[in-house]
Structure formats: structure tokens, C-alpha cells
C-alpha atoms as a PDB file:
ATOM      1  CA  MET A   1       0.609  34.945  17.284  1.00  0.00           C
ATOM      2  CA  THR A   2       0.419  31.755  15.251  1.00  0.00           C
ATOM      3  CA  VAL A   3       3.411  30.619  13.230  1.00  0.00           C
ATOM      4  CA  ARG A   4       2.392  28.749  10.050  1.00  0.00           C
ATOM      5  CA  MET A   5       4.940  26.333   8.631  1.00  0.00           C
ATOM      6  CA  LEU A   6       5.078  23.470   6.164  1.00  0.00           C
ATOM      7  CA  ASN A   7       6.759  20.237   7.104  1.00  0.00           C
ATOM      8  CA  MET A   8       8.631  18.175   4.509  1.00  0.00           C
ATOM      9  CA  SER A   9       5.494  16.244   3.515  1.00  0.00           C
ATOM     10  CA  GLY A  10       3.770  19.495   2.607  1.00  0.00           C
ATOM     11  CA  SER A  11       1.393  19.468   5.588  1.00  0.00           C
ATOM     12  CA  VAL A  12       0.671  22.753   7.329  1.00  0.00           C
ATOM     13  CA  VAL A  13       1.680  22.907  11.002  1.00  0.00           C
ATOM     14  CA  TYR A  14       0.892  25.755  13.350  1.00  0.00           C
ATOM     15  CA  ALA A  15       2.944  26.877  16.340  1.00  0.00           C
ATOM     16  CA  SER A  16       1.034  29.191  18.671  1.00  0.00           C
ATOM     17  CA  MET A  17       2.530  32.023  20.711  1.00  0.00           C
ATOM     18  CA  SER A  18       0.501  34.190  23.051  1.00  0.00           C
ATOM     19  CA  ILE A  19       0.318  37.991  22.724  1.00  0.00           C
ATOM     20  CA  TYR A  20       1.780  38.216  26.219  1.00  0.00           C
ATOM     21  CA  SER A  21       4.819  36.192  25.168  1.00  0.00           C
ATOM     22  CA  ARG A  22       5.251  38.276  22.037  1.00  0.00           C
ATOM     23  CA  ARG A  23       5.292  41.484  24.034  1.00  0.00           C
ATOM     24  CA  THR A  24       7.521  40.342  26.871  1.00  0.00           C
ATOM     25  CA  LEU A  25      10.051  38.115  25.136  1.00  0.00           C
ATOM     26  CA  GLY A  26      11.148  40.577  22.478  1.00  0.00           C
ATOM     27  CA  PRO A  27      12.065  40.018  18.824  1.00  0.00           C
ATOM     28  CA  ALA A  28      15.297  38.128  19.490  1.00  0.00           C
ATOM     29  CA  LEU A  29      13.693  35.513  21.691  1.00  0.00           C
ATOM     30  CA  ILE A  30      10.684  35.227  19.408  1.00  0.00           C
ATOM     31  CA  THR A  31      13.074  34.525  16.535  1.00  0.00           C
ATOM     32  CA  GLY A  32      14.726  31.878  18.687  1.00  0.00           C
ATOM     33  CA  VAL A  33      11.374  30.233  19.455  1.00  0.00           C
ATOM     34  CA  VAL A  34      10.507  30.144  15.766  1.00  0.00           C
ATOM     35  CA  LEU A  35      13.884  28.579  14.957  1.00  0.00           C
ATOM     36  CA  VAL A  36      13.363  25.935  17.660  1.00  0.00           C
ATOM     37  CA  CYS A  37       9.928  25.185  16.192  1.00  0.00           C
ATOM     38  CA  ALA A  38      11.425  24.906  12.712  1.00  0.00           C
ATOM     39  CA  VAL A  39      14.114  22.507  13.937  1.00  0.00           C
ATOM     40  CA  ALA A  40      11.489  20.437  15.732  1.00  0.00           C
ATOM     41  CA  LEU A  41       9.333  20.287  12.602  1.00  0.00           C
ATOM     42  CA  THR A  42      12.312  19.234  10.480  1.00  0.00           C
ATOM     43  CA  ALA A  43      13.103  16.452  12.949  1.00  0.00           C
ATOM     44  CA  GLN A  44       9.436  15.421  12.914  1.00  0.00           C
ATOM     45  CA  SER A  45       9.339  15.257   9.108  1.00  0.00           C
ATOM     46  CA  GLN A  46      12.559  13.253   8.965  1.00  0.00           C
ATOM     47  CA  ALA A  47      11.096  10.821  11.489  1.00  0.00           C
ATOM     48  CA  GLY A  48       7.941  10.432   9.398  1.00  0.00           C
ATOM     49  CA  ALA A  49       4.542  11.901   8.725  1.00  0.00           C
ATOM     50  CA  GLU A  50       0.958  10.844   8.316  1.00  0.00           C
ATOM     51  CA  GLY A  51      -2.194  12.611   7.266  1.00  0.00           C
ATOM     52  CA  LEU A  52      -4.655  13.262   4.475  1.00  0.00           C
ATOM     53  CA  ALA A  53      -3.456  14.218   1.002  1.00  0.00           C
ATOM     54  CA  ASP A  54      -5.953  16.325  -0.969  1.00  0.00           C
ATOM     55  CA  LEU A  55      -6.047  14.636  -4.371  1.00  0.00           C
ATOM     56  CA  PRO A  56      -8.530  14.701  -7.262  1.00  0.00           C
ATOM     57  CA  GLY A  57     -11.784  13.258  -5.947  1.00  0.00           C
ATOM     58  CA  VAL A  58     -10.398  12.004  -2.629  1.00  0.00           C
ATOM     59  CA  ARG A  59      -8.573  12.897   0.555  1.00  0.00           C
ATOM     60  CA  LEU A  60      -6.182   9.947   0.769  1.00  0.00           C
ATOM     61  CA  TRP A  61      -4.811   8.892   4.159  1.00  0.00           C
ATOM     62  CA  PHE A  62      -1.124   7.986   4.068  1.00  0.00           C
ATOM     63  CA  THR A  63       1.842   7.251   6.294  1.00  0.00           C
ATOM     64  CA  ASP A  64       5.392   8.178   5.316  1.00  0.00           C
ATOM     65  CA  SER A  65       8.388   7.017   7.334  1.00  0.00           C
ATOM     66  CA  GLY A  66      10.553   9.763   5.831  1.00  0.00           C
ATOM     67  CA  GLY A  67      14.265   9.476   5.276  1.00  0.00           C
ATOM     68  CA  ALA A  68      16.549   9.753   2.289  1.00  0.00           C
ATOM     69  CA  GLY A  69      16.346   6.125   1.120  1.00  0.00           C
ATOM     70  CA  ALA A  70      14.514   4.822  -1.920  1.00  0.00           C
ATOM     71  CA  ALA A  71      10.752   4.772  -1.420  1.00  0.00           C
ATOM     72  CA  VAL A  72       8.785   1.532  -1.077  1.00  0.00           C
ATOM     73  CA  VAL A  73       5.013   1.879  -1.466  1.00  0.00           C
ATOM     74  CA  PHE A  74       2.648  -0.800  -0.126  1.00  0.00           C
ATOM     75  CA  VAL A  75      -0.876  -1.280  -1.532  1.00  0.00           C
ATOM     76  CA  HIS A  76      -3.293  -3.234   0.665  1.00  0.00           C
ATOM     77  CA  ALA A  77      -5.888  -5.887  -0.125  1.00  0.00           C
ATOM     78  CA  ALA A  78      -9.685  -5.522  -0.204  1.00  0.00           C
ATOM     79  CA  THR A  79      -9.752  -6.964   3.309  1.00  0.00           C
ATOM     80  CA  GLY A  80      -7.358  -4.397   4.744  1.00  0.00           C
ATOM     81  CA  SER A  81      -6.126  -0.833   4.973  1.00  0.00           C
ATOM     82  CA  SER A  82      -2.762   0.810   5.540  1.00  0.00           C
ATOM     83  CA  ARG A  83      -2.817  -0.584   9.079  1.00  0.00           C
ATOM     84  CA  VAL A  84      -2.117  -4.138   7.870  1.00  0.00           C
ATOM     85  CA  TRP A  85       1.537  -3.380   7.102  1.00  0.00           C
ATOM     86  CA  GLU A  86       2.613  -3.339  10.752  1.00  0.00           C
ATOM     87  CA  TYR A  87       5.107  -6.163  10.142  1.00  0.00           C
ATOM     88  CA  GLN A  88       6.597  -4.432   7.088  1.00  0.00           C
ATOM     89  CA  ARG A  89       7.033  -0.813   8.194  1.00  0.00           C
ATOM     90  CA  PRO A  90       9.768  -1.401  10.824  1.00  0.00           C
ATOM     91  CA  ALA A  91      11.589  -4.063   8.795  1.00  0.00           C
ATOM     92  CA  PHE A  92      11.870  -1.956   5.639  1.00  0.00           C
ATOM     93  CA  SER A  93      12.631   1.262   7.535  1.00  0.00           C
ATOM     94  CA  ALA A  94      15.435  -0.526   9.379  1.00  0.00           C
ATOM     95  CA  ARG A  95      17.015  -1.281   5.989  1.00  0.00           C
ATOM     96  CA  GLY A  96      17.031   2.416   5.121  1.00  0.00           C
ATOM     97  CA  TYR A  97      13.969   2.584   2.871  1.00  0.00           C
ATOM     98  CA  ARG A  98      11.354   5.333   2.924  1.00  0.00           C
ATOM     99  CA  VAL A  99       8.157   3.377   3.614  1.00  0.00           C
ATOM    100  CA  ILE A 100       4.828   4.666   2.269  1.00  0.00           C
ATOM    101  CA  THR A 101       1.465   3.077   3.048  1.00  0.00           C
ATOM    102  CA  TYR A 102      -1.978   4.469   2.287  1.00  0.00           C
ATOM    103  CA  ASP A 103      -5.685   3.710   2.517  1.00  0.00           C
ATOM    104  CA  ARG A 104      -7.088   3.153  -0.951  1.00  0.00           C
ATOM    105  CA  ARG A 105     -10.167   5.172  -1.902  1.00  0.00           C
ATOM    106  CA  GLY A 106     -13.119   3.908   0.143  1.00  0.00           C
ATOM    107  CA  TYR A 107     -10.950   2.219   2.789  1.00  0.00           C
ATOM    108  CA  GLY A 108      -9.704   3.119   6.238  1.00  0.00           C
ATOM    109  CA  ARG A 109      -9.414   6.843   6.856  1.00  0.00           C
ATOM    110  CA  SER A 110      -9.496   8.002   3.251  1.00  0.00           C
ATOM    111  CA  VAL A 111     -12.495  10.162   2.357  1.00  0.00           C
ATOM    112  CA  ALA A 112     -13.947  10.372  -1.142  1.00  0.00           C
ATOM    113  CA  ASP A 113     -15.057  13.824  -2.296  1.00  0.00           C
ATOM    114  CA  PRO A 114     -18.573  13.515  -3.803  1.00  0.00           C
ATOM    115  CA  SER A 115     -17.969  16.630  -5.879  1.00  0.00           C
ATOM    116  CA  GLY A 116     -14.835  15.155  -7.451  1.00  0.00           C
ATOM    117  CA  ALA A 117     -14.239  12.448 -10.024  1.00  0.00           C
ATOM    118  CA  GLN A 118     -15.723   9.157  -8.803  1.00  0.00           C
ATOM    119  CA  PRO A 119     -14.804   6.394  -8.547  1.00  0.00           C
ATOM    120  CA  GLY A 120     -11.482   7.156 -10.236  1.00  0.00           C
ATOM    121  CA  THR A 121      -8.771   4.559 -10.794  1.00  0.00           C
ATOM    122  CA  GLY A 122      -6.436   3.105  -8.219  1.00  0.00           C
ATOM    123  CA  ALA A 123      -3.458   3.783 -10.481  1.00  0.00           C
ATOM    124  CA  ASP A 124      -4.335   7.475 -10.812  1.00  0.00           C
ATOM    125  CA  ASP A 125      -4.856   7.812  -7.046  1.00  0.00           C
ATOM    126  CA  LEU A 126      -1.442   6.276  -6.427  1.00  0.00           C
ATOM    127  CA  ASN A 127       0.206   8.465  -9.048  1.00  0.00           C
ATOM    128  CA  ALA A 128      -1.341  11.595  -7.556  1.00  0.00           C
ATOM    129  CA  LEU A 129      -0.101  10.572  -4.102  1.00  0.00           C
ATOM    130  CA  MET A 130       3.437  10.151  -5.424  1.00  0.00           C
ATOM    131  CA  ASP A 131       3.233  13.616  -6.984  1.00  0.00           C
ATOM    132  CA  HIS A 132       1.959  15.009  -3.683  1.00  0.00           C
ATOM    133  CA  LEU A 133       4.889  13.458  -1.809  1.00  0.00           C
ATOM    134  CA  LYS A 134       7.309  14.520  -4.576  1.00  0.00           C
ATOM    135  CA  ILE A 135       8.509  10.948  -5.114  1.00  0.00           C
ATOM    136  CA  ASP A 136       9.825  10.389  -8.620  1.00  0.00           C
ATOM    137  CA  ARG A 137      10.666   6.662  -8.674  1.00  0.00           C
ATOM    138  CA  PHE A 138       9.829   3.944  -6.167  1.00  0.00           C
ATOM    139  CA  HIS A 139       9.440   0.236  -5.474  1.00  0.00           C
ATOM    140  CA  LEU A 140       5.785  -0.882  -5.573  1.00  0.00           C
ATOM    141  CA  VAL A 141       4.400  -3.775  -3.486  1.00  0.00           C
ATOM    142  CA  GLY A 142       0.755  -4.795  -3.938  1.00  0.00           C
ATOM    143  CA  THR A 143      -1.056  -7.704  -2.316  1.00  0.00           C
ATOM    144  CA  ALA A 144      -4.304  -9.382  -3.451  1.00  0.00           C
ATOM    145  CA  ALA A 145      -6.648  -6.616  -4.737  1.00  0.00           C
ATOM    146  CA  GLY A 146      -3.754  -4.209  -4.225  1.00  0.00           C
ATOM    147  CA  GLY A 147      -2.040  -6.284  -6.900  1.00  0.00           C
ATOM    148  CA  PHE A 148      -4.740  -5.189  -9.375  1.00  0.00           C
ATOM    149  CA  VAL A 149      -3.662  -1.593  -8.728  1.00  0.00           C
ATOM    150  CA  ALA A 150       0.004  -2.567  -8.990  1.00  0.00           C
ATOM    151  CA  TRP A 151      -0.383  -4.235 -12.396  1.00  0.00           C
ATOM    152  CA  ASP A 152      -2.434  -1.331 -13.742  1.00  0.00           C
ATOM    153  CA  TYR A 153       0.129   1.147 -12.437  1.00  0.00           C
ATOM    154  CA  ALA A 154       3.051  -0.760 -13.974  1.00  0.00           C
ATOM    155  CA  LEU A 155       1.272  -0.717 -17.328  1.00  0.00           C
ATOM    156  CA  SER A 156       0.396   2.975 -17.049  1.00  0.00           C
ATOM    157  CA  PHE A 157       3.459   4.568 -15.429  1.00  0.00           C
ATOM    158  CA  PRO A 158       6.355   2.121 -15.872  1.00  0.00           C
ATOM    159  CA  ARG A 159       9.060   4.792 -15.820  1.00  0.00           C
ATOM    160  CA  ARG A 160       8.239   5.659 -12.215  1.00  0.00           C
ATOM    161  CA  LEU A 161       8.904   2.133 -10.947  1.00  0.00           C
ATOM    162  CA  ARG A 162      12.220   0.799  -9.727  1.00  0.00           C
ATOM    163  CA  SER A 163      10.638  -2.625  -9.238  1.00  0.00           C
ATOM    164  CA  LEU A 164       7.264  -4.324  -8.930  1.00  0.00           C
ATOM    165  CA  VAL A 165       6.169  -6.915  -6.356  1.00  0.00           C
ATOM    166  CA  VAL A 166       2.750  -8.580  -6.671  1.00  0.00           C
ATOM    167  CA  ALA A 167       1.753 -11.015  -3.927  1.00  0.00           C
ATOM    168  CA  ASN A 168      -1.216 -13.376  -3.594  1.00  0.00           C
ATOM    169  CA  SER A 169      -3.144 -11.733  -6.419  1.00  0.00           C
ATOM    170  CA  ILE A 170      -5.409 -12.984  -9.180  1.00  0.00           C
ATOM    171  CA  GLY A 171      -4.361  -9.805 -10.961  1.00  0.00           C
ATOM    172  CA  GLY A 172      -7.559  -8.593 -12.607  1.00  0.00           C
ATOM    173  CA  VAL A 173      -6.761 -10.321 -15.919  1.00  0.00           C
ATOM    174  CA  GLN A 174      -9.818 -10.291 -18.203  1.00  0.00           C
ATOM    175  CA  ASP A 175      -8.989 -13.120 -20.630  1.00  0.00           C
ATOM    176  CA  PRO A 176     -12.114 -15.345 -20.895  1.00  0.00           C
ATOM    177  CA  GLU A 177     -10.201 -18.589 -20.333  1.00  0.00           C
ATOM    178  CA  TYR A 178      -8.607 -17.177 -17.203  1.00  0.00           C
ATOM    179  CA  GLN A 179     -11.942 -15.908 -15.899  1.00  0.00           C
ATOM    180  CA  GLU A 180     -13.347 -19.410 -16.315  1.00  0.00           C
ATOM    181  CA  THR A 181     -10.452 -20.810 -14.253  1.00  0.00           C
ATOM    182  CA  LEU A 182     -11.264 -18.299 -11.507  1.00  0.00           C
ATOM    183  CA  ARG A 183     -14.919 -19.336 -11.520  1.00  0.00           C
ATOM    184  CA  LEU A 184     -13.837 -22.920 -10.852  1.00  0.00           C
ATOM    185  CA  LEU A 185     -11.709 -21.722  -7.925  1.00  0.00           C
ATOM    186  CA  ARG A 186     -14.139 -19.227  -6.420  1.00  0.00           C
ATOM    187  CA  THR A 187     -17.287 -21.273  -6.124  1.00  0.00           C
ATOM    188  CA  PRO A 188     -20.374 -19.876  -4.331  1.00  0.00           C
ATOM    189  CA  GLU A 189     -19.549 -22.098  -1.355  1.00  0.00           C
ATOM    190  CA  PHE A 190     -16.022 -20.680  -1.207  1.00  0.00           C
ATOM    191  CA  LEU A 191     -17.193 -17.070  -1.432  1.00  0.00           C
ATOM    192  CA  ALA A 192     -19.759 -17.678   1.329  1.00  0.00           C
ATOM    193  CA  MET A 193     -17.025 -18.445   3.875  1.00  0.00           C
ATOM    194  CA  PRO A 194     -15.935 -15.754   6.364  1.00  0.00           C
ATOM    195  CA  PRO A 195     -13.000 -13.637   5.128  1.00  0.00           C
ATOM    196  CA  ASP A 196     -10.485 -15.170   7.535  1.00  0.00           C
ATOM    197  CA  MET A 197     -11.372 -18.693   6.389  1.00  0.00           C
ATOM    198  CA  ARG A 198     -10.841 -17.698   2.756  1.00  0.00           C
ATOM    199  CA  GLU A 199      -7.684 -15.663   3.247  1.00  0.00           C
ATOM    200  CA  LEU A 200      -5.721 -17.170   6.154  1.00  0.00           C
ATOM    201  CA  GLY A 201      -4.135 -20.580   5.706  1.00  0.00           C
ATOM    202  CA  PRO A 202      -5.089 -23.420   8.066  1.00  0.00           C
ATOM    203  CA  SER A 203      -1.537 -23.684   9.421  1.00  0.00           C
ATOM    204  CA  TYR A 204      -1.618 -20.049  10.493  1.00  0.00           C
ATOM    205  CA  ARG A 205      -5.088 -20.203  12.035  1.00  0.00           C
ATOM    206  CA  ALA A 206      -4.063 -23.257  14.043  1.00  0.00           C
ATOM    207  CA  SER A 207      -0.613 -22.066  15.140  1.00  0.00           C
ATOM    208  CA  ASN A 208      -1.246 -18.365  15.726  1.00  0.00           C
ATOM    209  CA  PRO A 209      -4.785 -17.691  17.008  1.00  0.00           C
ATOM    210  CA  GLY A 210      -3.683 -14.309  18.365  1.00  0.00           C
ATOM    211  CA  GLY A 211      -2.415 -13.247  14.953  1.00  0.00           C
ATOM    212  CA  ALA A 212      -5.608 -14.497  13.306  1.00  0.00           C
ATOM    213  CA  LYS A 213      -7.661 -12.459  15.784  1.00  0.00           C
ATOM    214  CA  ARG A 214      -5.626  -9.338  14.999  1.00  0.00           C
ATOM    215  CA  TRP A 215      -6.083  -9.935  11.244  1.00  0.00           C
ATOM    216  CA  ARG A 216      -9.864 -10.150  11.763  1.00  0.00           C
ATOM    217  CA  GLU A 217      -9.848  -6.895  13.746  1.00  0.00           C
ATOM    218  CA  LEU A 218      -8.010  -5.095  10.964  1.00  0.00           C
ATOM    219  CA  GLU A 219     -10.323  -6.565   8.330  1.00  0.00           C
ATOM    220  CA  GLN A 220     -13.449  -5.507  10.235  1.00  0.00           C
ATOM    221  CA  THR A 221     -12.244  -1.906  10.542  1.00  0.00           C
ATOM    222  CA  ALA A 222     -10.891  -1.588   7.004  1.00  0.00           C
ATOM    223  CA  ARG A 223     -14.054  -0.140   5.460  1.00  0.00           C
ATOM    224  CA  PRO A 224     -16.625   2.401   6.644  1.00  0.00           C
ATOM    225  CA  ALA A 225     -19.670   0.660   8.099  1.00  0.00           C
ATOM    226  CA  SER A 226     -22.008   2.981   6.188  1.00  0.00           C
ATOM    227  CA  ALA A 227     -20.885   2.176   2.662  1.00  0.00           C
ATOM    228  CA  GLN A 228     -19.120  -0.327   0.461  1.00  0.00           C
ATOM    229  CA  PRO A 229     -15.837   0.779  -1.133  1.00  0.00           C
ATOM    230  CA  PRO A 230     -16.335   2.119  -4.666  1.00  0.00           C
ATOM    231  CA  ALA A 231     -15.576  -0.308  -7.439  1.00  0.00           C
ATOM    232  CA  GLN A 232     -12.771   1.681  -9.030  1.00  0.00           C
ATOM    233  CA  THR A 233     -12.149   1.403 -12.738  1.00  0.00           C
ATOM    234  CA  PHE A 234      -8.809   0.691 -14.427  1.00  0.00           C
ATOM    235  CA  ARG A 235      -6.716   2.594 -16.911  1.00  0.00           C
ATOM    236  CA  ASN A 236      -6.101  -0.635 -18.851  1.00  0.00           C
ATOM    237  CA  ARG A 237      -8.051  -3.726 -19.739  1.00  0.00           C
ATOM    238  CA  VAL A 238      -5.528  -6.147 -18.284  1.00  0.00           C
ATOM    239  CA  THR A 239      -4.803  -9.244 -20.350  1.00  0.00           C
ATOM    240  CA  PHE A 240      -1.931 -11.707 -20.343  1.00  0.00           C
ATOM    241  CA  ALA A 241      -0.848 -10.334 -23.721  1.00  0.00           C
ATOM    242  CA  LEU A 242      -0.635  -6.842 -22.213  1.00  0.00           C
ATOM    243  CA  LEU A 243       1.358  -8.131 -19.236  1.00  0.00           C
ATOM    244  CA  GLU A 244       3.945  -9.402 -21.710  1.00  0.00           C
ATOM    245  CA  THR A 245       4.859  -5.758 -22.395  1.00  0.00           C
ATOM    246  CA  ILE A 246       6.005  -5.120 -18.813  1.00  0.00           C
ATOM    247  CA  ALA A 247       9.758  -4.582 -18.576  1.00  0.00           C
ATOM    248  CA  VAL A 248       9.902  -3.499 -14.919  1.00  0.00           C
ATOM    249  CA  PRO A 249      11.806  -5.986 -12.688  1.00  0.00           C
ATOM    250  CA  THR A 250       9.018  -8.085 -11.191  1.00  0.00           C
ATOM    251  CA  LEU A 251       8.695 -10.457  -8.236  1.00  0.00           C
ATOM    252  CA  LEU A 252       5.637 -12.671  -7.791  1.00  0.00           C
ATOM    253  CA  LEU A 253       4.725 -14.387  -4.531  1.00  0.00           C
ATOM    254  CA  THR A 254       1.911 -16.542  -3.284  1.00  0.00           C
ATOM    255  CA  GLY A 255       1.244 -18.927  -0.411  1.00  0.00           C
ATOM    256  CA  ASP A 256       1.218 -22.682  -0.830  1.00  0.00           C
ATOM    257  CA  ALA A 257      -2.221 -22.686   0.858  1.00  0.00           C
ATOM    258  CA  ASP A 258      -3.649 -19.660  -0.984  1.00  0.00           C
ATOM    259  CA  MET A 259      -7.135 -20.634  -2.169  1.00  0.00           C
ATOM    260  CA  TYR A 260      -7.588 -17.470  -4.258  1.00  0.00           C
ATOM    261  CA  ALA A 261      -4.239 -17.425  -6.050  1.00  0.00           C
ATOM    262  CA  PRO A 262      -2.591 -20.844  -5.609  1.00  0.00           C
ATOM    263  CA  PRO A 263       0.847 -21.539  -7.112  1.00  0.00           C
ATOM    264  CA  PRO A 264      -0.538 -22.584 -10.556  1.00  0.00           C
ATOM    265  CA  ILE A 265      -2.186 -19.158 -10.873  1.00  0.00           C
ATOM    266  CA  MET A 266       1.064 -17.403  -9.964  1.00  0.00           C
ATOM    267  CA  ARG A 267       2.926 -19.454 -12.557  1.00  0.00           C
ATOM    268  CA  MET A 268       0.520 -18.231 -15.260  1.00  0.00           C
ATOM    269  CA  PHE A 269       1.699 -14.687 -14.543  1.00  0.00           C
ATOM    270  CA  ALA A 270       5.356 -15.680 -14.248  1.00  0.00           C
ATOM    271  CA  ALA A 271       5.183 -17.295 -17.694  1.00  0.00           C
ATOM    272  CA  ARG A 272       3.956 -14.018 -19.229  1.00  0.00           C
ATOM    273  CA  VAL A 273       6.040 -11.369 -17.435  1.00  0.00           C
ATOM    274  CA  LYS A 274       9.507 -11.556 -18.954  1.00  0.00           C
ATOM    275  CA  GLY A 275      12.338 -12.068 -16.485  1.00  0.00           C
ATOM    276  CA  SER A 276      10.041 -12.194 -13.471  1.00  0.00           C
ATOM    277  CA  GLN A 277      10.890 -14.187 -10.370  1.00  0.00           C
ATOM    278  CA  ALA A 278       8.318 -16.354  -8.581  1.00  0.00           C
ATOM    279  CA  VAL A 279       8.355 -17.551  -4.978  1.00  0.00           C
ATOM    280  CA  VAL A 280       5.944 -19.811  -3.080  1.00  0.00           C
ATOM    281  CA  VAL A 281       5.772 -18.957   0.617  1.00  0.00           C
ATOM    282  CA  PRO A 282       5.384 -22.110   2.763  1.00  0.00           C
ATOM    283  CA  GLU A 283       2.487 -22.514   5.202  1.00  0.00           C
ATOM    284  CA  ALA A 284       0.761 -19.342   4.068  1.00  0.00           C
ATOM    285  CA  GLY A 285      -2.613 -18.570   2.593  1.00  0.00           C
ATOM    286  CA  HIS A 286      -3.805 -15.418   0.827  1.00  0.00           C
ATOM    287  CA  SER A 287      -2.049 -13.064   3.280  1.00  0.00           C
ATOM    288  CA  ALA A 288       1.601 -14.101   3.081  1.00  0.00           C
ATOM    289  CA  TYR A 289       2.778 -10.652   4.245  1.00  0.00           C
ATOM    290  CA  TRP A 290       0.898 -11.278   7.515  1.00  0.00           C
ATOM    291  CA  GLU A 291       1.168 -15.036   7.987  1.00  0.00           C
ATOM    292  CA  GLN A 292       4.879 -15.358   7.209  1.00  0.00           C
ATOM    293  CA  PRO A 293       6.254 -11.812   7.558  1.00  0.00           C
ATOM    294  CA  GLU A 294       9.872 -12.855   8.073  1.00  0.00           C
ATOM    295  CA  ILE A 295       9.938 -14.865   4.842  1.00  0.00           C
ATOM    296  CA  PHE A 296       7.916 -12.242   2.984  1.00  0.00           C
ATOM    297  CA  ASN A 297      10.097  -9.347   4.152  1.00  0.00           C
ATOM    298  CA  ARG A 298      13.388 -11.119   3.500  1.00  0.00           C
ATOM    299  CA  THR A 299      12.295 -12.176   0.000  1.00  0.00           C
ATOM    300  CA  VAL A 300      11.065  -8.716  -0.977  1.00  0.00           C
ATOM    301  CA  LEU A 301      14.030  -6.900   0.601  1.00  0.00           C
ATOM    302  CA  ASP A 302      16.524  -9.147  -1.182  1.00  0.00           C
ATOM    303  CA  PHE A 303      14.729  -8.525  -4.465  1.00  0.00           C
ATOM    304  CA  ILE A 304      14.381  -4.746  -4.304  1.00  0.00           C
ATOM    305  CA  ALA A 305      17.993  -4.359  -3.119  1.00  0.00           C
ATOM    306  CA  LYS A 306      19.044  -5.436  -6.624  1.00  0.00           C
ATOM    307  CA  HIS A 307      17.015  -2.671  -8.276  1.00  0.00           C
END
């Protein structure tokens, strides 16, 4: 006999029982075994879950720490996957938050469905995942290209956000003047450098070679070797004028050595998003969450605690 049950994340779990056991144990003991299984599954779901969520056009891999606290959702960069948040998961869980990470479509263990809508938008994928996990409102943290998704989500579904954190991101803004500024920053010579040279600050590479090696390992396994991630579209054409409509409490961060989104770029966004806070993380490049996790975590935790 196979007992089919749903854990709290909605995943199906099976508990097997042999025919011999069913015949010899009797109904009372069988009921007891099922109750033990149910208790074990409840404990498992409270401790956390991970798996694939069947969403429109994609099976999205996610991790969910569980718990009754407010949810915090992390959206990774183009050089990462859900695995990059290894410094954030324990720190935020320890403060009582329900921590959600996921592999964006085309990254990590997520699998696009060729028969479904492709390439879809990052904001719609995230919204569908929140519906799947039955999360109404949450704190959203996006870094680098994950910040593109975060901005688009805040513009599309603002009522679902408790707060918004965008770190080390050029934001996907389409204003021509801004695009020209980015062209001056991202020269062909800059783009030709290896990812770790572009995205890890020199202080970090020099002081923490082990951490830099781990970052490279995660970057190299972030995307399937057989295909490039799909270039997802956006629900909004993001402009600075549109960002001025955001009323969600917003925190902006960047590293003082970030060559993609240096402090002057961050200040452009801070000047447009009303009431936003801006923080420069010392001795950090384009991956502040990884290079300076203690500063990053403390800053974000202090901010979201107010909202």
C-alpha cells in the first residue's frame, strides 16, 4: 500500500507499506503508521522544502525554509542561481523569516517547458511561484540582473510587496541618456574580461581566494551547458519616470568597487525612487551579498524589520 500525502508546500509525498505489513499489523497499527508519517511530513514542511513548481511554461526550482515568519524572496544575478544565497539563508532564517530562493527560468535546475509560453517574464514567473507557495505579501531582494526582475515586479504587483531591495543593479532602465552612460561603463574591453574579474572587487579577490574560487564554481554551474538562458521580456518598459511611481519602501545597495553599477549609478535610482535609502558597501564589487555578507545581511535585515 502506498500512502499519498501533500506536504505544506503542496508537493506530493508517498509513504510505502508492504502488503505483508498491511495484513499482519491490522487497521489500528496501520492508522498509527499513517499518523506517524503525517507528523513526520508536517515536521519536514515546517523545517523547509525544495523542489520543482509546475508553473506556466516552466518547472521552477525553489527552496523554502518554511516557518511562520514574513517571507523574504531572493532573486539571483545572471552569473548565479539559487545556490549563491548560502550566506543569506541561515542569517535570515535565524531572524525568523521564511526564506525563499529559486532558479530563474533558464538557470540552475529550473526546466523550461517548450510547449508553454516562452520566454515569459521574470515578474510573471515570480508571481506564479508566490501563488504556488500561497504567499500573499513578501520582502523582495534582487541583485544585479535579479534587480531587473525586482523593479519590474514592483511596478507590476506593488501590493504584494512589503519592501523592495535592489543591490548592484543597472536596473534595466531604457532611457537613451542612461543607456549611453552604460555604454561608456561597459566597454568591449570590460565585457571581454572573465566574469569574476568583472563582478568581484579586487579587495575580495586578493583577501579571499577561497571565496573567489567558490563564486567561480557557482557561476560555472549556474546555466545548462547546452543552452543560453532565454532572454526574458518585461511587463514594463522601465524608465526613470516610471520608477518615480514606486511607493514600496525601497533600499538600494552597491559596492564601492562595483564596475557595473558604481555608486553614481545607484544615486541615479535613489534620486528617482521617493523615500528610498541608499547604501554603499565598502570593499565590494558587483556581488556585495557574497563579498561582504555580514554588512549586506545586517543592512537588509535592519531595513526589512521596519516594514
